[in-house]
Amino acid sequence: MSMQPEVRKRATVANIAGGSTRKMAAYRYVVALSILVLLWLGIYIYANNVRNIVSLGLPGTMAVGAGFILFIKYLEKKGANVIDRAKHADRGAVAEEKVGDFLNSLPEGNFIIHDFNSGKGNIDHVLINTKGIFTLETKSHKGDVTFDGEKLLRGNRPFEKDFLNQAWAECFAVRNVLQGWGITLKAEPIILFTNAYVKVRGKAKGVEILSLKYLPKFLERLPDHQTIPEAGRIYNRVKAACLPN
């Protein structure tokens, strides 16, 4: 009598939603603090060497002064940029946590991996159930999201990155894992907006573009492609390929 592998028939968390993004935000805040300390140190050193600088004569004083001003302005610009990026990471982490809470509330038969580390980047969420295998890339942007046939737009302007290419790269990372196990069911990419109004109808270059509130209806309308035990076995194989963060 052959023994079937044990399968958990409930939503399962392998990692913490938004975990790596929270770490990224914390790292950027530390960098910003370091820049602030360096800025203060530069001002302190300059203020305590004014007499020595003046002794260099007018040309020397002007050269040192100009260099100091450029140094201060560079640090100010760098610090402001790092803080903006840290705030952006914070917003991203909040969005991932929001999606994570939703996914964790799904009924039995849904298997979830948060913050999947493929070795080439992190995938926010991987959802495996009877409907299929889905890679979910979470976005915290606001505004109207549309598709012009080539790229996603917010309002009338492209996003800061090519989210469609990003979603496919993440999906292919999971597909490679599945291929290694001889699993023929393909992972499908989803971009999930938590705060935007999504006006995209149908797929954008093969990627589903959804708002979080529409995700339950989207999943409900899909046909079943596998059983719960089959979904659980795939979950175990994909989970095993996740590298430590």
C-alpha atoms as a PDB file:
ATOM      1  CA  MET A   1       0.000   0.000   0.000  1.00  0.00           C
ATOM      2  CA  SER A   2       1.551   3.302  -1.086  1.00  0.00           C
ATOM      3  CA  MET A   3       1.559   6.216   1.300  1.00  0.00           C
ATOM      4  CA  GLN A   4       0.341   9.569  -0.010  1.00  0.00           C
ATOM      5  CA  PRO A   5       2.254  12.643   1.185  1.00  0.00           C
ATOM      6  CA  GLU A   6       0.438  14.633   3.850  1.00  0.00           C
ATOM      7  CA  VAL A   7      -1.124  17.799   2.488  1.00  0.00           C
ATOM      8  CA  ARG A   8      -2.284  20.794   4.520  1.00  0.00           C
ATOM      9  CA  LYS A   9      -5.773  21.732   3.339  1.00  0.00           C
ATOM     10  CA  ARG A  10      -5.788  25.337   4.503  1.00  0.00           C
ATOM     11  CA  ALA A  11      -4.139  28.627   3.715  1.00  0.00           C
ATOM     12  CA  THR A  12      -0.532  28.328   4.805  1.00  0.00           C
ATOM     13  CA  VAL A  13       2.034  31.066   5.423  1.00  0.00           C
ATOM     14  CA  ALA A  14       5.665  30.319   4.618  1.00  0.00           C
ATOM     15  CA  ASN A  15       7.005  33.823   5.126  1.00  0.00           C
ATOM     16  CA  ILE A  16       5.807  37.170   6.420  1.00  0.00           C
ATOM     17  CA  ALA A  17       4.015  39.353   3.881  1.00  0.00           C
ATOM     18  CA  GLY A  18       6.027  42.499   3.239  1.00  0.00           C
ATOM     19  CA  GLY A  19       8.974  41.214   5.265  1.00  0.00           C
ATOM     20  CA  SER A  20      11.748  41.972   2.785  1.00  0.00           C
ATOM     21  CA  THR A  21      10.182  45.329   1.880  1.00  0.00           C
ATOM     22  CA  ARG A  22      10.131  46.311   5.568  1.00  0.00           C
ATOM     23  CA  LYS A  23      13.822  45.422   5.779  1.00  0.00           C
ATOM     24  CA  MET A  24      14.503  47.506   2.672  1.00  0.00           C
ATOM     25  CA  ALA A  25      12.716  50.504   4.196  1.00  0.00           C
ATOM     26  CA  ALA A  26      14.642  50.138   7.465  1.00  0.00           C
ATOM     27  CA  TYR A  27      17.949  49.929   5.584  1.00  0.00           C
ATOM     28  CA  ARG A  28      17.140  53.095   3.630  1.00  0.00           C
ATOM     29  CA  TYR A  29      16.263  54.976   6.809  1.00  0.00           C
ATOM     30  CA  VAL A  30      19.619  53.921   8.282  1.00  0.00           C
ATOM     31  CA  VAL A  31      21.358  55.220   5.146  1.00  0.00           C
ATOM     32  CA  ALA A  32      19.451  58.510   5.459  1.00  0.00           C
ATOM     33  CA  LEU A  33      20.512  58.804   9.102  1.00  0.00           C
ATOM     34  CA  SER A  34      24.132  58.132   8.120  1.00  0.00           C
ATOM     35  CA  ILE A  35      23.943  60.910   5.535  1.00  0.00           C
ATOM     36  CA  LEU A  36      22.540  63.261   8.177  1.00  0.00           C
ATOM     37  CA  VAL A  37      25.438  62.421  10.512  1.00  0.00           C
ATOM     38  CA  LEU A  38      27.915  62.979   7.686  1.00  0.00           C
ATOM     39  CA  LEU A  39      26.252  66.310   6.911  1.00  0.00           C
ATOM     40  CA  TRP A  40      26.520  67.418  10.544  1.00  0.00           C
ATOM     41  CA  LEU A  41      30.144  66.248  10.685  1.00  0.00           C
ATOM     42  CA  GLY A  42      31.005  68.243   7.560  1.00  0.00           C
ATOM     43  CA  ILE A  43      29.462  71.409   8.993  1.00  0.00           C
ATOM     44  CA  TYR A  44      31.236  70.862  12.326  1.00  0.00           C
ATOM     45  CA  ILE A  45      34.652  70.386  10.699  1.00  0.00           C
ATOM     46  CA  TYR A  46      34.187  73.414   8.444  1.00  0.00           C
ATOM     47  CA  ALA A  47      33.036  75.652  11.318  1.00  0.00           C
ATOM     48  CA  ASN A  48      36.043  74.659  13.446  1.00  0.00           C
ATOM     49  CA  ASN A  49      38.526  75.333  10.670  1.00  0.00           C
ATOM     50  CA  VAL A  50      37.337  78.719   9.445  1.00  0.00           C
ATOM     51  CA  ARG A  51      40.568  80.462  10.546  1.00  0.00           C
ATOM     52  CA  ASN A  52      42.712  77.902   8.756  1.00  0.00           C
ATOM     53  CA  ILE A  53      40.601  78.225   5.634  1.00  0.00           C
ATOM     54  CA  VAL A  54      40.815  82.051   5.688  1.00  0.00           C
ATOM     55  CA  SER A  55      44.581  81.795   6.013  1.00  0.00           C
ATOM     56  CA  LEU A  56      44.646  80.248   2.518  1.00  0.00           C
ATOM     57  CA  GLY A  57      43.888  83.671   1.056  1.00  0.00           C
ATOM     58  CA  LEU A  58      40.934  84.760  -1.037  1.00  0.00           C
ATOM     59  CA  PRO A  59      41.311  82.211  -3.877  1.00  0.00           C
ATOM     60  CA  GLY A  60      41.844  79.324  -1.448  1.00  0.00           C
ATOM     61  CA  THR A  61      38.961  80.434   0.776  1.00  0.00           C
ATOM     62  CA  MET A  62      36.607  80.688  -2.202  1.00  0.00           C
ATOM     63  CA  ALA A  63      37.674  77.290  -3.547  1.00  0.00           C
ATOM     64  CA  VAL A  64      37.168  75.564  -0.180  1.00  0.00           C
ATOM     65  CA  GLY A  65      33.877  77.389   0.371  1.00  0.00           C
ATOM     66  CA  ALA A  66      32.559  76.407  -3.043  1.00  0.00           C
ATOM     67  CA  GLY A  67      33.599  72.798  -2.475  1.00  0.00           C
ATOM     68  CA  PHE A  68      31.894  72.789   0.915  1.00  0.00           C
ATOM     69  CA  ILE A  69      28.644  74.174  -0.518  1.00  0.00           C
ATOM     70  CA  LEU A  70      28.650  71.549  -3.283  1.00  0.00           C
ATOM     71  CA  PHE A  71      29.313  68.847  -0.685  1.00  0.00           C
ATOM     72  CA  ILE A  72      26.395  70.019   1.475  1.00  0.00           C
ATOM     73  CA  LYS A  73      23.995  70.276  -1.476  1.00  0.00           C
ATOM     74  CA  TYR A  74      24.982  66.802  -2.692  1.00  0.00           C
ATOM     75  CA  LEU A  75      24.315  65.290   0.738  1.00  0.00           C
ATOM     76  CA  GLU A  76      20.988  67.130   1.031  1.00  0.00           C
ATOM     77  CA  LYS A  77      19.852  65.849  -2.373  1.00  0.00           C
ATOM     78  CA  LYS A  78      21.098  62.337  -1.653  1.00  0.00           C
ATOM     79  CA  GLY A  79      19.431  62.266   1.756  1.00  0.00           C
ATOM     80  CA  ALA A  80      16.086  63.530   0.399  1.00  0.00           C
ATOM     81  CA  ASN A  81      16.181  60.859  -2.335  1.00  0.00           C
ATOM     82  CA  VAL A  82      16.918  58.069   0.132  1.00  0.00           C
ATOM     83  CA  ILE A  83      14.111  59.209   2.457  1.00  0.00           C
ATOM     84  CA  ASP A  84      11.646  59.282  -0.469  1.00  0.00           C
ATOM     85  CA  ARG A  85      12.667  55.744  -1.412  1.00  0.00           C
ATOM     86  CA  ALA A  86      12.311  54.615   2.212  1.00  0.00           C
ATOM     87  CA  LYS A  87       8.779  56.066   2.370  1.00  0.00           C
ATOM     88  CA  HIS A  88       7.968  54.338  -0.918  1.00  0.00           C
ATOM     89  CA  ALA A  89       9.167  51.026   0.536  1.00  0.00           C
ATOM     90  CA  ASP A  90       7.024  51.652   3.630  1.00  0.00           C
ATOM     91  CA  ARG A  91       3.932  52.138   1.465  1.00  0.00           C
ATOM     92  CA  GLY A  92       4.807  48.997  -0.480  1.00  0.00           C
ATOM     93  CA  ALA A  93       5.132  46.987   2.723  1.00  0.00           C
ATOM     94  CA  VAL A  94       1.725  48.200   3.930  1.00  0.00           C
ATOM     95  CA  ALA A  95       0.182  47.134   0.613  1.00  0.00           C
ATOM     96  CA  GLU A  96       1.829  43.703   0.773  1.00  0.00           C
ATOM     97  CA  GLU A  97       0.611  43.234   4.342  1.00  0.00           C
ATOM     98  CA  LYS A  98      -2.907  44.186   3.273  1.00  0.00           C
ATOM     99  CA  VAL A  99      -2.838  41.590   0.488  1.00  0.00           C
ATOM    100  CA  GLY A 100      -1.254  39.096   2.882  1.00  0.00           C
ATOM    101  CA  ASP A 101      -4.128  39.535   5.346  1.00  0.00           C
ATOM    102  CA  PHE A 102      -6.624  38.897   2.557  1.00  0.00           C
ATOM    103  CA  LEU A 103      -4.827  35.796   1.300  1.00  0.00           C
ATOM    104  CA  ASN A 104      -4.468  34.417   4.817  1.00  0.00           C
ATOM    105  CA  SER A 105      -8.247  34.718   5.235  1.00  0.00           C
ATOM    106  CA  LEU A 106      -8.988  32.503   2.236  1.00  0.00           C
ATOM    107  CA  PRO A 107     -10.723  29.188   3.007  1.00  0.00           C
ATOM    108  CA  GLU A 108      -9.210  25.719   3.065  1.00  0.00           C
ATOM    109  CA  GLY A 109      -7.642  24.614  -0.172  1.00  0.00           C
ATOM    110  CA  ASN A 110      -5.657  27.808  -0.697  1.00  0.00           C
ATOM    111  CA  PHE A 111      -1.893  27.627  -0.221  1.00  0.00           C
ATOM    112  CA  ILE A 112       0.135  30.822   0.046  1.00  0.00           C
ATOM    113  CA  ILE A 113       3.816  31.692   0.045  1.00  0.00           C
ATOM    114  CA  HIS A 114       4.614  35.278   0.982  1.00  0.00           C
ATOM    115  CA  ASP A 115       7.835  37.039   0.014  1.00  0.00           C
ATOM    116  CA  PHE A 116       9.126  34.223  -2.190  1.00  0.00           C
ATOM    117  CA  ASN A 117      12.876  34.595  -2.792  1.00  0.00           C
ATOM    118  CA  SER A 118      13.716  33.120  -6.181  1.00  0.00           C
ATOM    119  CA  GLY A 119      17.390  34.097  -6.028  1.00  0.00           C
ATOM    120  CA  LYS A 120      16.774  36.756  -8.679  1.00  0.00           C
ATOM    121  CA  GLY A 121      14.371  38.862  -6.646  1.00  0.00           C
ATOM    122  CA  ASN A 122      11.389  38.562  -4.334  1.00  0.00           C
ATOM    123  CA  ILE A 123       7.856  37.711  -5.394  1.00  0.00           C
ATOM    124  CA  ASP A 124       5.303  39.322  -3.102  1.00  0.00           C
ATOM    125  CA  HIS A 125       2.934  36.340  -3.008  1.00  0.00           C
ATOM    126  CA  VAL A 126       2.454  32.965  -4.657  1.00  0.00           C
ATOM    127  CA  LEU A 127      -1.085  31.570  -4.491  1.00  0.00           C
ATOM    128  CA  ILE A 128      -1.790  27.921  -5.293  1.00  0.00           C
ATOM    129  CA  ASN A 129      -5.295  26.468  -5.272  1.00  0.00           C
ATOM    130  CA  THR A 130      -7.661  24.397  -7.377  1.00  0.00           C
ATOM    131  CA  LYS A 131      -7.936  27.304  -9.851  1.00  0.00           C
ATOM    132  CA  GLY A 132      -4.233  27.268 -10.654  1.00  0.00           C
ATOM    133  CA  ILE A 133      -0.903  28.802  -9.656  1.00  0.00           C
ATOM    134  CA  PHE A 134      -0.564  32.580  -9.478  1.00  0.00           C
ATOM    135  CA  THR A 135       2.293  34.977  -8.840  1.00  0.00           C
ATOM    136  CA  LEU A 136       1.010  38.216  -7.318  1.00  0.00           C
ATOM    137  CA  GLU A 137       2.961  41.451  -7.587  1.00  0.00           C
ATOM    138  CA  THR A 138       1.479  44.061  -5.237  1.00  0.00           C
ATOM    139  CA  LYS A 139       1.424  47.790  -6.032  1.00  0.00           C
ATOM    140  CA  SER A 140       0.448  50.602  -3.655  1.00  0.00           C
ATOM    141  CA  HIS A 141       0.016  53.333  -6.303  1.00  0.00           C
ATOM    142  CA  LYS A 142      -3.108  55.498  -6.411  1.00  0.00           C
ATOM    143  CA  GLY A 143      -5.007  56.938  -9.380  1.00  0.00           C
ATOM    144  CA  ASP A 144      -6.483  55.414 -12.530  1.00  0.00           C
ATOM    145  CA  VAL A 145      -4.610  52.486 -14.068  1.00  0.00           C
ATOM    146  CA  THR A 146      -5.012  51.951 -17.812  1.00  0.00           C
ATOM    147  CA  PHE A 147      -3.245  50.050 -20.602  1.00  0.00           C
ATOM    148  CA  ASP A 148      -2.335  51.627 -23.952  1.00  0.00           C
ATOM    149  CA  GLY A 149      -1.521  48.345 -25.680  1.00  0.00           C
ATOM    150  CA  GLU A 150       2.166  48.476 -24.781  1.00  0.00           C
ATOM    151  CA  LYS A 151       2.522  49.594 -21.164  1.00  0.00           C
ATOM    152  CA  LEU A 152       0.539  50.338 -18.049  1.00  0.00           C
ATOM    153  CA  LEU A 153      -0.314  53.966 -17.372  1.00  0.00           C
ATOM    154  CA  ARG A 154      -1.267  55.928 -14.292  1.00  0.00           C
ATOM    155  CA  GLY A 155      -3.404  58.719 -15.616  1.00  0.00           C
ATOM    156  CA  ASN A 156      -1.730  59.385 -18.955  1.00  0.00           C
ATOM    157  CA  ARG A 157       1.834  58.656 -17.880  1.00  0.00           C
ATOM    158  CA  PRO A 158       3.813  55.396 -17.675  1.00  0.00           C
ATOM    159  CA  PHE A 159       4.782  54.035 -14.286  1.00  0.00           C
ATOM    160  CA  GLU A 160       8.354  54.417 -13.052  1.00  0.00           C
ATOM    161  CA  LYS A 161       9.082  50.781 -13.997  1.00  0.00           C
ATOM    162  CA  ASP A 162       7.846  48.269 -16.543  1.00  0.00           C
ATOM    163  CA  PHE A 163       5.536  46.346 -14.224  1.00  0.00           C
ATOM    164  CA  LEU A 164       4.492  43.929 -16.971  1.00  0.00           C
ATOM    165  CA  ASN A 165       8.065  42.733 -17.553  1.00  0.00           C
ATOM    166  CA  GLN A 166       8.546  42.496 -13.796  1.00  0.00           C
ATOM    167  CA  ALA A 167       5.421  40.364 -13.404  1.00  0.00           C
ATOM    168  CA  TRP A 168       6.498  38.006 -16.190  1.00  0.00           C
ATOM    169  CA  ALA A 169      10.030  37.670 -14.796  1.00  0.00           C
ATOM    170  CA  GLU A 170       8.581  36.623 -11.433  1.00  0.00           C
ATOM    171  CA  CYS A 171       6.146  34.234 -13.077  1.00  0.00           C
ATOM    172  CA  PHE A 172       8.891  32.563 -15.129  1.00  0.00           C
ATOM    173  CA  ALA A 173      10.919  32.051 -11.943  1.00  0.00           C
ATOM    174  CA  VAL A 174       8.071  29.957 -10.532  1.00  0.00           C
ATOM    175  CA  ARG A 175       7.483  28.230 -13.850  1.00  0.00           C
ATOM    176  CA  ASN A 176      11.114  27.109 -13.823  1.00  0.00           C
ATOM    177  CA  VAL A 177      10.566  25.553 -10.407  1.00  0.00           C
ATOM    178  CA  LEU A 178       7.464  23.745 -11.658  1.00  0.00           C
ATOM    179  CA  GLN A 179       9.270  22.544 -14.783  1.00  0.00           C
ATOM    180  CA  GLY A 180      12.008  21.080 -12.612  1.00  0.00           C
ATOM    181  CA  TRP A 181       9.392  18.899 -10.929  1.00  0.00           C
ATOM    182  CA  GLY A 182       7.741  17.935 -14.217  1.00  0.00           C
ATOM    183  CA  ILE A 183       4.582  19.905 -13.365  1.00  0.00           C
ATOM    184  CA  THR A 184       2.771  20.909 -16.551  1.00  0.00           C
ATOM    185  CA  LEU A 185       0.314  23.369 -15.000  1.00  0.00           C
ATOM    186  CA  LYS A 186       1.760  26.837 -15.629  1.00  0.00           C
ATOM    187  CA  ALA A 187       1.915  29.709 -13.183  1.00  0.00           C
ATOM    188  CA  GLU A 188       0.054  32.848 -14.261  1.00  0.00           C
ATOM    189  CA  PRO A 189       1.093  36.449 -13.418  1.00  0.00           C
ATOM    190  CA  ILE A 190      -1.148  38.964 -11.644  1.00  0.00           C
ATOM    191  CA  ILE A 191      -0.446  42.606 -10.784  1.00  0.00           C
ATOM    192  CA  LEU A 192      -2.574  43.598  -7.821  1.00  0.00           C
ATOM    193  CA  PHE A 193      -3.281  47.261  -6.997  1.00  0.00           C
ATOM    194  CA  THR A 194      -4.458  47.931  -3.449  1.00  0.00           C
ATOM    195  CA  ASN A 195      -5.323  51.632  -3.773  1.00  0.00           C
ATOM    196  CA  ALA A 196      -5.772  52.363  -7.489  1.00  0.00           C
ATOM    197  CA  TYR A 197      -8.850  52.284  -9.700  1.00  0.00           C
ATOM    198  CA  VAL A 198      -8.074  49.656 -12.348  1.00  0.00           C
ATOM    199  CA  LYS A 199      -9.645  50.363 -15.728  1.00  0.00           C
ATOM    200  CA  VAL A 200      -7.852  47.577 -17.586  1.00  0.00           C
ATOM    201  CA  ARG A 201     -10.256  45.066 -19.110  1.00  0.00           C
ATOM    202  CA  GLY A 202      -8.730  41.744 -20.013  1.00  0.00           C
ATOM    203  CA  LYS A 203      -5.062  40.893 -19.817  1.00  0.00           C
ATOM    204  CA  ALA A 204      -2.235  43.321 -20.528  1.00  0.00           C
ATOM    205  CA  LYS A 205       0.432  41.394 -22.451  1.00  0.00           C
ATOM    206  CA  GLY A 206      -0.772  38.216 -20.779  1.00  0.00           C
ATOM    207  CA  VAL A 207      -0.812  39.703 -17.257  1.00  0.00           C
ATOM    208  CA  GLU A 208      -4.007  40.063 -15.221  1.00  0.00           C
ATOM    209  CA  ILE A 209      -4.309  43.606 -13.814  1.00  0.00           C
ATOM    210  CA  LEU A 210      -6.647  43.633 -10.824  1.00  0.00           C
ATOM    211  CA  SER A 211      -7.671  45.682  -7.839  1.00  0.00           C
ATOM    212  CA  LEU A 212      -7.594  43.853  -4.514  1.00  0.00           C
ATOM    213  CA  LYS A 213     -11.357  44.101  -4.054  1.00  0.00           C
ATOM    214  CA  TYR A 214     -11.914  42.361  -7.410  1.00  0.00           C
ATOM    215  CA  LEU A 215      -9.550  39.449  -6.723  1.00  0.00           C
ATOM    216  CA  PRO A 216     -12.183  37.231  -4.982  1.00  0.00           C
ATOM    217  CA  LYS A 217     -14.590  37.579  -7.922  1.00  0.00           C
ATOM    218  CA  PHE A 218     -11.762  36.902 -10.397  1.00  0.00           C
ATOM    219  CA  LEU A 219     -10.775  33.684  -8.611  1.00  0.00           C
ATOM    220  CA  GLU A 220     -14.393  32.591  -8.243  1.00  0.00           C
ATOM    221  CA  ARG A 221     -15.008  32.815 -11.991  1.00  0.00           C
ATOM    222  CA  LEU A 222     -12.054  30.592 -12.909  1.00  0.00           C
ATOM    223  CA  PRO A 223     -12.582  26.877 -13.579  1.00  0.00           C
ATOM    224  CA  ASP A 224     -10.846  24.237 -11.486  1.00  0.00           C
ATOM    225  CA  HIS A 225      -7.636  22.817 -12.940  1.00  0.00           C
ATOM    226  CA  GLN A 226      -6.553  20.522 -10.108  1.00  0.00           C
ATOM    227  CA  THR A 227      -7.644  19.001  -6.824  1.00  0.00           C
ATOM    228  CA  ILE A 228      -6.801  20.332  -3.381  1.00  0.00           C
ATOM    229  CA  PRO A 229      -4.254  17.532  -2.710  1.00  0.00           C
ATOM    230  CA  GLU A 230      -2.567  18.276  -6.047  1.00  0.00           C
ATOM    231  CA  ALA A 231      -2.431  21.981  -5.163  1.00  0.00           C
ATOM    232  CA  GLY A 232      -0.926  21.091  -1.798  1.00  0.00           C
ATOM    233  CA  ARG A 233       1.808  18.960  -3.338  1.00  0.00           C
ATOM    234  CA  ILE A 234       2.720  21.777  -5.748  1.00  0.00           C
ATOM    235  CA  TYR A 235       2.790  24.186  -2.820  1.00  0.00           C
ATOM    236  CA  ASN A 236       5.277  21.975  -0.981  1.00  0.00           C
ATOM    237  CA  ARG A 237       7.567  21.818  -4.009  1.00  0.00           C
ATOM    238  CA  VAL A 238       7.471  25.561  -4.672  1.00  0.00           C
ATOM    239  CA  LYS A 239       7.946  26.348  -1.001  1.00  0.00           C
ATOM    240  CA  ALA A 240      11.039  24.128  -0.888  1.00  0.00           C
ATOM    241  CA  ALA A 241      12.606  26.211  -3.683  1.00  0.00           C
ATOM    242  CA  CYS A 242      12.215  29.470  -1.733  1.00  0.00           C
ATOM    243  CA  LEU A 243      15.602  30.768  -0.589  1.00  0.00           C
ATOM    244  CA  PRO A 244      16.067  32.348   2.867  1.00  0.00           C
ATOM    245  CA  ASN A 245      15.552  36.130   2.950  1.00  0.00           C
END
